[in-house]
Amino acid sequence: MARKRLDSRSGGAGLLGDIQTPILGDPLDALYHLTGELGRGKFAVVKRCVEKATGKVFAAKFLKKRRRGRDCRVEVIHEIAVLELARNNPRVVNLHSVYETDHDIVLLLEYAAGGEIFDHCASEEPLPEVQITRLIRQTLEGVHLLHQSGVVHLDLKPQNILLTSLTPLGDIKIVDFGLARRLGTTGELREILGTPEYVAPEILNYEPITTATDLWSVGVIAYMLVTGESPFAGDDKQETFLNVSQVNVDYSCEAFSRVSELAVDFIRKLLLKTPEDRPSAADCMTHPWLWQQFTGPEVTPSTPRTPCERSSGGKWAAPPEDPEDKENFLDSPHTKRFRFEEDIPVGEGEH
C-alpha cells in the first residue's frame, strides 16, 4: 500500500503532534464502496462505506486539509492522535485506518449503527430511566478513561454520543474529537470552543479548562435525556449566554414531574458554576441514581413528555446537528453556535 507522511508539527496549546497510524495513499474507491452520507458539515462529510474484501461497514470521515485558505493538517493530526490515545477505551469510537486524497484526510472509523442519543432526547416518548442511567454510566466510563489520559473532549453532547445498535438499545461510542485537548502540557489552557447549549460557564468566562468542563456537559446531557429539553437554550444567543453564565436551570417545570429525585440530585451536582465543586467522572459513577433499581413506571413510562416553558416549540423542532470537524466556534458560521467576537470581548484562545 502507498503511504504518505503528514507534517506533524505541534499546532498549539493542548494539541498532540505525533501519530503512529500510517497515512495510506491508495484510492479509497478501489477498496471501499461509499454507500451514502451519514452527515455533513462545512469542512467535513461522514459517509457510510463498505470494505469490498470483507463486507465490513465503516464510517468514513472526510476532513478537508485546507479551510479558508489555511493548512489544517496539524488539527487533523491532532484528532488522529487523540483517537490513538483512546484506542483501548471501549466507549470511544475506534480508528481503523487513515487515507489521504488530494483534498482530504479520511478517517475510517468504527460504524455505530444505532445513531445519536440525541434522537432519544428529542423523542416524544422518553427512554425509561433504567436505560438512561446505563447510557450515562457508559458515557462516564469513557470520559473517565479520557481524563486519565489527560484528554478533555470539550464537545460532549447528544449528537456526539452514538449507539452501537438501536434495537435492542446498544452501547455508547463517543465521537468527534476535533476540539479535544491534552491538559497539563503547557500550563493553563484557555480557549473559546464548544457548542453553546452544552458549554460550561468557565469557557464563557475564558477561565482555565479542566476535566470538570466535560462533567458540566454530562450534566446537560443527563438533563436532556430525562426531560427532552435543553436546559440553557434561549430564544437567542445572548439569552443562552446568560442562562449558562447564571446557571439558570429550571428543576420545577412539569417535565420533571415524572423524573426521580435521584436524577435531579445527579444533575444538580454537575450543573454547578464553580468547576471545583463538580464531582469527577469517577465520583459521578458512584452516585446512587446510576445504580438505582427501577420498578413499575420507571421501567416503562406510559406518558409522553411535557415540555418546560422555556423551550420554544416543545421538543426540539430542529433536526440533529450535522456531524462535522468542529473548530473553535469563533469561526463557526452555524446558527447553533455563537460567535463570541460579536458579543463578548475576550482574549484569543491559545493556539
Protein backbone atom coordinates (compact mmCIF):
# COMPACT_ATOMS: atom_id res chain seq x y z
CA MET A 1 0.00 0.00 0.00
CA ALA A 2 1.17 3.51 -0.76
CA ARG A 3 1.94 5.52 2.34
CA LYS A 4 2.31 9.25 2.79
CA ARG A 5 3.68 11.31 5.63
CA LEU A 6 1.81 14.27 7.08
CA ASP A 7 3.55 17.19 8.68
CA SER A 8 3.01 16.59 12.40
CA ARG A 9 4.43 19.76 13.93
CA SER A 10 2.67 20.86 17.07
CA GLY A 11 -0.06 23.39 16.33
CA GLY A 12 -0.80 24.99 19.69
CA ALA A 13 -1.63 24.52 23.33
CA GLY A 14 -3.20 21.19 24.11
CA LEU A 15 -2.72 19.79 20.59
CA LEU A 16 -0.98 16.46 20.06
CA GLY A 17 1.59 16.31 17.28
CA ASP A 18 2.72 12.70 16.81
CA ILE A 19 0.81 9.75 15.37
CA GLN A 20 1.58 6.08 14.78
CA THR A 21 -1.15 5.31 12.25
CA PRO A 22 0.21 5.14 8.69
CA ILE A 23 -1.35 7.51 6.18
CA LEU A 24 -2.34 5.42 3.17
CA GLY A 25 -2.40 6.81 -0.33
CA ASP A 26 -4.41 4.06 -2.03
CA PRO A 27 -7.52 5.18 -3.95
CA LEU A 28 -10.33 4.78 -1.46
CA ASP A 29 -12.91 3.72 -4.03
CA ALA A 30 -10.69 0.82 -5.08
CA LEU A 31 -11.03 -0.70 -1.64
CA TYR A 32 -14.41 0.51 -0.39
CA HIS A 33 -17.94 1.09 -1.62
CA LEU A 34 -19.17 4.51 -0.47
CA THR A 35 -22.88 3.93 0.11
CA GLY A 36 -24.26 7.26 1.29
CA GLU A 37 -23.78 10.23 3.59
CA LEU A 38 -24.24 9.99 7.34
CA GLY A 39 -23.74 13.70 7.92
CA ARG A 40 -22.17 16.85 6.50
CA GLY A 41 -20.57 19.99 7.87
CA LYS A 42 -18.71 22.92 6.34
CA PHE A 43 -15.30 21.24 6.48
CA ALA A 44 -16.16 17.56 6.71
CA VAL A 45 -18.50 14.91 5.45
CA VAL A 46 -19.13 11.50 7.02
CA LYS A 47 -20.01 8.66 4.65
CA ARG A 48 -21.01 5.07 5.18
CA CYS A 49 -18.53 2.80 3.44
CA VAL A 50 -18.21 -0.95 3.00
CA GLU A 51 -14.88 -2.72 2.59
CA LYS A 52 -15.02 -4.67 -0.68
CA ALA A 53 -12.84 -7.53 0.53
CA THR A 54 -14.70 -8.24 3.77
CA GLY A 55 -18.09 -6.51 3.63
CA LYS A 56 -17.28 -4.74 6.90
CA VAL A 57 -19.01 -1.38 7.37
CA PHE A 58 -17.15 1.76 8.48
CA ALA A 59 -17.89 5.45 8.86
CA ALA A 60 -15.50 7.43 6.67
CA LYS A 61 -14.90 10.96 7.93
CA PHE A 62 -13.53 13.20 5.14
CA LEU A 63 -11.67 16.14 6.69
CA LYS A 64 -10.63 18.98 4.40
CA LYS A 65 -6.89 19.66 4.52
CA ARG A 66 -7.35 23.35 3.75
CA ARG A 67 -10.03 25.50 5.35
CA ARG A 68 -10.50 29.15 4.50
CA GLY A 69 -7.17 29.04 2.67
CA ARG A 70 -5.34 27.70 5.75
CA ASP A 71 -3.45 24.42 6.01
CA CYS A 72 -5.20 22.44 8.75
CA ARG A 73 -3.03 19.32 8.78
CA VAL A 74 -1.99 20.00 12.37
CA GLU A 75 -5.60 19.84 13.54
CA VAL A 76 -6.21 16.62 11.60
CA ILE A 77 -3.06 15.03 13.03
CA HIS A 78 -4.22 16.04 16.50
CA GLU A 79 -7.61 14.35 16.05
CA ILE A 80 -5.90 11.16 14.86
CA ALA A 81 -3.53 11.28 17.83
CA VAL A 82 -6.40 11.61 20.31
CA LEU A 83 -8.15 8.61 18.74
CA GLU A 84 -4.91 6.65 19.06
CA LEU A 85 -4.66 7.57 22.73
CA ALA A 86 -8.22 6.33 23.23
CA ARG A 87 -7.75 3.10 21.29
CA ASN A 88 -8.17 0.95 24.41
CA ASN A 89 -11.21 2.91 25.57
CA PRO A 90 -14.28 0.75 24.79
CA ARG A 91 -16.55 3.82 24.97
CA VAL A 92 -14.73 5.70 22.20
CA VAL A 93 -15.23 5.01 18.52
CA ASN A 94 -12.30 3.00 17.16
CA LEU A 95 -9.98 4.35 14.46
CA HIS A 96 -9.42 1.66 11.81
CA SER A 97 -7.17 3.40 9.26
CA VAL A 98 -6.35 6.74 7.64
CA TYR A 99 -6.17 7.69 3.96
CA GLU A 100 -5.11 10.84 2.16
CA THR A 101 -6.56 12.21 -1.06
CA ASP A 102 -5.73 15.42 -2.92
CA HIS A 103 -8.09 17.47 -0.77
CA ASP A 104 -8.96 15.39 2.29
CA ILE A 105 -7.64 13.26 5.10
CA VAL A 106 -10.09 10.37 5.55
CA LEU A 107 -10.52 8.69 8.93
CA LEU A 108 -12.05 5.23 8.71
CA LEU A 109 -13.94 4.84 11.96
CA GLU A 110 -15.97 2.17 13.67
CA TYR A 111 -19.57 2.31 12.44
CA ALA A 112 -22.21 2.85 15.13
CA ALA A 113 -25.47 1.65 13.61
CA GLY A 114 -27.77 2.94 16.38
CA GLY A 115 -27.44 6.64 15.61
CA GLU A 116 -27.17 9.53 18.05
CA ILE A 117 -28.59 9.55 21.57
CA PHE A 118 -29.90 13.00 20.54
CA ASP A 119 -32.74 11.16 18.84
CA HIS A 120 -33.84 9.89 22.25
CA CYS A 121 -33.59 13.37 23.77
CA ALA A 122 -35.86 14.78 21.07
CA SER A 123 -38.35 11.90 21.04
CA GLU A 124 -41.88 12.38 22.39
CA GLU A 125 -41.53 9.02 24.12
CA PRO A 126 -38.72 9.19 26.69
CA LEU A 127 -36.35 6.37 27.41
CA PRO A 128 -37.01 4.69 30.77
CA GLU A 129 -34.63 5.89 33.46
CA VAL A 130 -33.09 2.43 33.72
CA GLN A 131 -31.87 2.86 30.13
CA ILE A 132 -30.85 6.48 30.67
CA THR A 133 -28.71 5.59 33.68
CA ARG A 134 -26.98 2.86 31.66
CA LEU A 135 -26.14 5.34 28.90
CA ILE A 136 -24.88 7.92 31.41
CA ARG A 137 -22.78 5.29 33.22
CA GLN A 138 -21.17 4.28 29.96
CA THR A 139 -20.55 7.91 28.98
CA LEU A 140 -18.86 8.50 32.33
CA GLU A 141 -16.74 5.37 31.86
CA GLY A 142 -15.49 6.76 28.55
CA VAL A 143 -14.94 10.26 29.93
CA HIS A 144 -13.09 8.86 32.97
CA LEU A 145 -10.64 6.95 30.76
CA LEU A 146 -10.10 10.02 28.58
CA HIS A 147 -9.38 12.12 31.66
CA GLN A 148 -6.94 9.50 32.95
CA SER A 149 -5.02 10.05 29.70
CA GLY A 150 -5.05 13.80 30.30
CA VAL A 151 -7.55 14.41 27.47
CA VAL A 152 -10.69 16.54 27.69
CA HIS A 153 -13.30 16.19 24.93
CA LEU A 154 -14.82 19.72 25.17
CA ASP A 155 -17.71 18.98 22.80
CA LEU A 156 -19.69 16.34 24.64
CA LYS A 157 -23.33 16.49 23.56
CA PRO A 158 -26.04 14.05 22.47
CA GLN A 159 -25.02 14.42 18.82
CA ASN A 160 -21.51 13.20 19.65
CA ILE A 161 -22.58 10.09 21.55
CA LEU A 162 -23.61 7.26 19.26
CA LEU A 163 -25.15 3.84 19.86
CA THR A 164 -23.82 0.57 18.53
CA SER A 165 -27.39 -0.57 17.78
CA LEU A 166 -30.92 0.78 18.02
CA THR A 167 -32.95 -2.37 18.74
CA PRO A 168 -32.06 -3.51 21.27
CA LEU A 169 -30.54 -0.27 22.51
CA GLY A 170 -26.78 -0.73 22.19
CA ASP A 171 -23.73 0.63 23.96
CA ILE A 172 -22.43 4.17 23.58
CA LYS A 173 -19.50 5.34 21.50
CA ILE A 174 -18.10 8.84 21.94
CA VAL A 175 -17.12 10.51 18.66
CA ASP A 176 -15.78 13.78 17.24
CA PHE A 177 -12.50 14.73 18.88
CA GLY A 178 -11.79 17.82 16.79
CA LEU A 179 -12.00 20.07 19.85
CA ALA A 180 -10.37 17.68 22.33
CA ARG A 181 -7.29 18.96 24.12
CA ARG A 182 -4.44 17.46 26.15
CA LEU A 183 -4.17 19.06 29.57
CA GLY A 184 -1.01 19.68 31.53
CA THR A 185 1.39 20.10 28.62
CA THR A 186 1.73 23.90 28.54
CA GLY A 187 0.30 25.20 31.80
CA GLU A 188 -3.24 26.51 31.91
CA LEU A 189 -5.44 26.03 28.86
CA ARG A 190 -7.93 28.76 27.97
CA GLU A 191 -9.91 28.64 24.76
CA ILE A 192 -13.30 29.68 23.49
CA LEU A 193 -14.68 26.49 21.99
CA GLY A 194 -17.60 24.10 22.24
CA THR A 195 -21.27 24.19 21.33
CA PRO A 196 -23.40 26.88 23.00
CA GLU A 197 -26.06 24.90 24.81
CA TYR A 198 -23.53 22.44 26.27
CA VAL A 199 -20.59 24.70 27.03
CA ALA A 200 -19.54 25.30 30.65
CA PRO A 201 -19.51 28.75 32.33
CA GLU A 202 -15.71 28.76 32.62
CA ILE A 203 -15.50 28.64 28.82
CA LEU A 204 -17.70 31.73 28.55
CA ASN A 205 -15.57 33.49 31.16
CA TYR A 206 -12.29 32.50 29.46
CA GLU A 207 -11.18 30.72 32.63
CA PRO A 208 -8.93 27.65 32.75
CA ILE A 209 -10.27 24.48 31.17
CA THR A 210 -10.15 21.36 33.35
CA THR A 211 -11.65 17.89 33.35
CA ALA A 212 -14.61 19.43 35.20
CA THR A 213 -15.53 21.21 31.96
CA ASP A 214 -16.57 17.87 30.45
CA LEU A 215 -18.60 16.97 33.54
CA TRP A 216 -20.78 20.06 33.07
CA SER A 217 -21.66 18.74 29.61
CA VAL A 218 -22.53 15.33 31.08
CA GLY A 219 -24.99 17.13 33.36
CA VAL A 220 -26.59 18.85 30.38
CA ILE A 221 -26.87 15.51 28.54
CA ALA A 222 -28.50 13.86 31.56
CA TYR A 223 -30.99 16.74 31.84
CA MET A 224 -31.91 16.37 28.19
CA LEU A 225 -32.32 12.61 28.36
CA VAL A 226 -34.71 12.73 31.32
CA THR A 227 -36.75 15.78 30.25
CA GLY A 228 -36.41 16.01 26.46
CA GLU A 229 -35.46 19.68 26.91
CA SER A 230 -32.29 21.73 26.56
CA PRO A 231 -31.67 23.38 29.96
CA PHE A 232 -29.93 26.53 28.72
CA ALA A 233 -31.25 27.14 25.19
CA GLY A 234 -32.62 30.67 24.92
CA ASP A 235 -34.58 32.44 22.21
CA ASP A 236 -31.30 33.97 21.01
CA LYS A 237 -27.62 33.52 21.72
CA GLN A 238 -27.47 36.29 24.30
CA GLU A 239 -30.18 34.56 26.32
CA THR A 240 -28.30 31.27 26.02
CA PHE A 241 -25.10 33.00 27.24
CA LEU A 242 -27.00 34.42 30.20
CA ASN A 243 -28.68 31.13 31.10
CA VAL A 244 -25.31 29.32 31.13
CA SER A 245 -23.34 32.01 32.94
CA GLN A 246 -26.03 32.34 35.64
CA VAL A 247 -26.70 28.57 35.73
CA ASN A 248 -30.34 29.39 35.10
CA VAL A 249 -31.82 25.89 35.32
CA ASP A 250 -35.49 25.14 35.94
CA TYR A 251 -35.99 21.99 38.02
CA SER A 252 -39.63 22.73 38.83
CA CYS A 253 -41.21 22.56 35.38
CA GLU A 254 -43.74 19.89 34.54
CA ALA A 255 -41.17 17.93 32.54
CA PHE A 256 -39.62 16.93 35.87
CA SER A 257 -42.86 15.60 37.29
CA ARG A 258 -42.02 12.08 36.12
CA VAL A 259 -38.29 12.27 36.89
CA SER A 260 -36.87 10.61 40.00
CA GLU A 261 -35.43 12.73 42.82
CA LEU A 262 -32.11 10.94 42.47
CA ALA A 263 -31.91 12.00 38.81
CA VAL A 264 -32.44 15.64 39.80
CA ASP A 265 -29.78 15.33 42.51
CA PHE A 266 -27.29 13.91 40.00
CA ILE A 267 -27.89 16.76 37.55
CA ARG A 268 -27.74 19.44 40.26
CA LYS A 269 -24.32 18.19 41.39
CA LEU A 270 -22.91 18.64 37.87
CA LEU A 271 -24.54 21.91 36.82
CA LEU A 272 -22.57 24.00 39.30
CA LYS A 273 -20.86 27.19 38.21
CA THR A 274 -17.59 26.59 40.05
CA PRO A 275 -15.68 23.75 38.34
CA GLU A 276 -14.03 22.66 41.60
CA ASP A 277 -17.47 21.94 43.06
CA ARG A 278 -18.35 19.36 40.39
CA PRO A 279 -17.59 15.70 41.08
CA SER A 280 -15.07 13.88 38.90
CA ALA A 281 -16.19 11.25 36.42
CA ALA A 282 -15.11 8.56 38.86
CA ASP A 283 -17.10 10.16 41.68
CA CYS A 284 -20.13 10.52 39.41
CA MET A 285 -20.11 6.78 38.77
CA THR A 286 -20.76 6.15 42.46
CA HIS A 287 -23.94 8.28 42.52
CA PRO A 288 -26.92 6.17 43.67
CA TRP A 289 -29.08 7.27 40.71
CA LEU A 290 -26.86 5.32 38.34
CA TRP A 291 -27.35 2.13 40.37
CA GLN A 292 -30.97 2.62 41.40
CA GLN A 293 -33.20 -0.42 40.92
CA PHE A 294 -36.14 0.88 38.91
CA THR A 295 -39.54 -0.79 39.02
CA GLY A 296 -43.01 -0.18 37.67
CA PRO A 297 -43.50 3.06 35.71
CA GLU A 298 -39.78 3.91 35.92
CA VAL A 299 -39.08 0.99 33.61
CA THR A 300 -41.90 1.56 31.13
CA PRO A 301 -43.04 5.19 31.13
CA SER A 302 -46.54 5.45 29.73
CA THR A 303 -46.99 9.19 29.27
CA PRO A 304 -45.38 11.50 26.70
CA ARG A 305 -43.11 14.26 27.90
CA THR A 306 -44.47 17.67 28.81
CA PRO A 307 -42.14 20.49 27.73
CA CYS A 308 -40.78 23.14 30.08
CA GLU A 309 -41.97 26.67 29.43
CA ARG A 310 -38.55 27.91 28.37
CA SER A 311 -38.34 25.55 25.43
CA SER A 312 -39.80 27.10 22.31
CA GLY A 313 -41.96 24.61 20.46
CA GLY A 314 -41.76 21.79 22.98
CA LYS A 315 -39.43 19.09 21.73
CA TRP A 316 -36.63 20.34 19.59
CA ALA A 317 -38.03 21.06 16.19
CA ALA A 318 -34.63 21.46 14.56
CA PRO A 319 -33.01 18.36 13.06
CA PRO A 320 -29.90 16.96 14.76
CA GLU A 321 -26.77 18.96 14.08
CA ASP A 322 -24.70 17.59 11.23
CA PRO A 323 -21.51 15.77 12.24
CA GLU A 324 -18.51 17.83 11.21
CA ASP A 325 -14.98 18.57 12.23
CA LYS A 326 -15.65 21.07 14.98
CA GLU A 327 -13.50 24.16 15.09
CA ASN A 328 -13.22 26.87 17.68
CA PHE A 329 -16.67 28.36 17.41
CA LEU A 330 -15.23 31.81 16.98
CA ASP A 331 -15.00 30.63 13.37
CA SER A 332 -18.25 28.71 13.12
CA PRO A 333 -20.95 30.09 10.82
CA HIS A 334 -23.66 27.79 12.15
CA THR A 335 -26.62 29.28 13.96
CA LYS A 336 -26.45 26.54 16.63
CA ARG A 337 -23.14 28.07 17.76
CA PHE A 338 -22.14 31.52 18.82
CA ARG A 339 -19.52 33.88 17.52
CA PHE A 340 -18.10 35.36 20.70
CA GLU A 341 -16.21 38.14 19.00
CA GLU A 342 -19.55 39.71 18.06
CA ASP A 343 -20.87 39.71 21.59
CA ILE A 344 -18.33 39.22 24.35
CA PRO A 345 -14.90 40.88 24.43
CA VAL A 346 -12.50 38.08 25.29
CA GLY A 347 -8.88 37.33 24.57
CA GLU A 348 -7.84 34.93 21.86
CA GLY A 349 -7.60 31.25 22.76
CA GLU A 350 -4.16 29.70 22.94
CA HIS A 351 -3.32 28.10 19.59
